[in-house]
Protein backbone atom coordinates (compact mmCIF):
# COMPACT_ATOMS: atom_id res chain seq x y z
CA MET A 1 116.19 86.21 51.45
CA SER A 2 114.40 89.16 49.90
CA ARG A 3 113.93 89.60 46.16
CA LYS A 4 115.81 92.91 46.41
CA LEU A 5 118.91 91.11 47.73
CA GLU A 6 118.59 88.30 45.16
CA ASN A 7 118.09 90.65 42.21
CA THR A 8 121.62 91.94 41.80
CA GLY A 9 123.89 92.30 38.80
CA PHE A 10 127.09 90.31 38.39
CA ILE A 11 130.04 89.63 36.09
CA CYS A 12 129.62 86.30 34.28
CA LYS A 13 132.31 83.78 35.31
CA ASN A 14 132.10 82.17 31.86
CA CYS A 15 132.07 85.03 29.32
CA GLY A 16 133.10 87.97 31.53
CA LYS A 17 130.20 90.23 30.52
CA GLU A 18 128.40 92.49 32.96
CA VAL A 19 124.90 91.19 33.68
CA LEU A 20 122.26 93.65 34.89
CA PRO A 21 119.49 92.78 37.38
CA LEU A 22 116.09 91.87 35.94
CA THR A 23 113.37 94.53 35.79
CA ASP A 24 110.36 92.20 35.71
CA GLY A 25 110.14 91.41 39.44
CA SER A 26 112.10 88.17 39.19
CA TYR A 27 115.82 87.63 39.73
CA ARG A 28 118.60 86.72 37.35
CA ASN A 29 120.13 83.27 37.85
CA HIS A 30 122.14 82.92 34.65
CA CYS A 31 123.96 85.07 32.10
CA PRO A 32 121.70 86.29 29.26
CA PHE A 33 124.65 86.32 26.84
CA CYS A 34 126.08 82.78 27.18
CA LEU A 35 123.34 81.25 29.44
CA TYR A 36 125.91 79.92 31.94
CA SER A 37 125.14 79.99 35.66
CA LEU A 38 126.96 79.21 38.91
CA HIS A 39 126.14 76.35 41.26
CA VAL A 40 125.41 78.49 44.33
CA ASP A 41 121.97 77.25 45.50
CA VAL A 42 120.78 74.13 47.30
CA VAL A 43 117.20 75.41 47.08
CA PRO A 44 116.66 78.08 44.38
CA GLY A 45 117.59 81.49 45.80
CA ASP A 46 119.18 80.32 49.08
CA ARG A 47 122.87 80.78 48.03
CA ALA A 48 123.73 77.91 50.42
CA CYS A 49 125.80 75.67 48.09
CA ASP A 50 129.58 75.63 48.47
CA CYS A 51 130.26 74.03 45.05
CA MET A 52 130.54 77.29 43.02
CA GLY A 53 131.04 75.28 39.81
CA LEU A 54 130.07 76.64 36.40
CA MET A 55 126.61 75.47 35.34
CA GLU A 56 126.71 74.77 31.60
CA PRO A 57 123.54 75.16 29.53
CA ILE A 58 122.98 71.72 28.01
CA GLU A 59 119.39 71.73 26.79
CA ILE A 60 116.25 73.83 26.32
CA ILE A 61 112.96 72.27 27.45
CA LYS A 62 109.35 73.42 27.59
CA ASN A 63 107.64 73.08 30.97
CA LYS A 64 103.82 73.16 30.81
CA LYS A 65 103.60 75.53 33.78
CA LYS A 66 106.85 77.54 33.61
CA GLY A 67 107.40 77.86 29.87
CA TYR A 68 110.81 77.43 28.24
CA GLN A 69 113.69 76.57 30.53
CA VAL A 70 117.46 76.20 30.27
CA VAL A 71 118.74 72.91 31.68
CA HIS A 72 122.06 73.55 33.44
CA ARG A 73 124.60 70.90 34.47
CA CYS A 74 127.40 71.73 36.91
CA ARG A 75 130.81 71.11 35.35
CA LYS A 76 132.29 70.50 38.79
CA CYS A 77 129.83 68.07 40.46
CA GLY A 78 127.29 67.14 37.75
CA PHE A 79 124.25 68.62 39.53
CA ILE A 80 121.37 69.45 37.14
CA ARG A 81 118.82 72.26 37.54
CA ASN A 82 116.30 73.95 35.23
CA ASN A 83 115.98 77.73 35.06
CA LYS A 84 113.31 79.76 33.30
CA ILE A 85 114.42 81.59 30.17
CA SER A 86 114.33 85.33 30.74
CA GLU A 87 112.26 87.54 28.47
CA ASP A 88 113.19 90.67 30.44
CA ALA A 89 112.62 93.84 28.39
CA VAL A 90 116.04 95.32 29.20
CA GLU A 91 118.26 92.25 28.77
CA PRO A 92 116.47 89.09 27.55
CA ASP A 93 118.30 85.79 27.11
CA ASP A 94 120.15 85.65 23.78
CA ILE A 95 117.88 83.86 21.30
CA ASP A 96 120.84 82.88 19.10
CA VAL A 97 122.47 81.04 22.01
CA ILE A 98 119.14 79.36 22.85
CA VAL A 99 118.75 78.19 19.23
CA GLU A 100 122.35 76.92 19.16
CA ILE A 101 121.77 74.83 22.32
CA MET A 102 118.58 73.42 20.79
CA ARG A 103 120.41 72.65 17.54
CA LYS A 104 123.24 70.82 19.36
CA LYS A 105 120.78 68.74 21.38
CA SER A 106 118.77 67.73 18.32
CA SER A 107 121.91 66.58 16.46
CA ILE A 108 122.98 64.18 19.24
């Protein structure tokens, strides 16, 4: 699959907002407003998973090589995957939502 095909906008299935494609050469795999994603990949970018469950952001972690990541858990099947936080110049991930996820995790 080419990056051009992967890098498309979408309407978030959680919050309903329009999400624009990234402009930094990567591709968007979660909503920058609520940080939710969809369980659509078996291998990142392949769109081969039939689950289609909402992937809830449950934690923020720091990966030594990839930087800060959102940990997503599928509400339908429980699958967990990490996704890099976007710092895209046009539409970066919402820092307030990131902080709120971190705050919830630290209070558990």
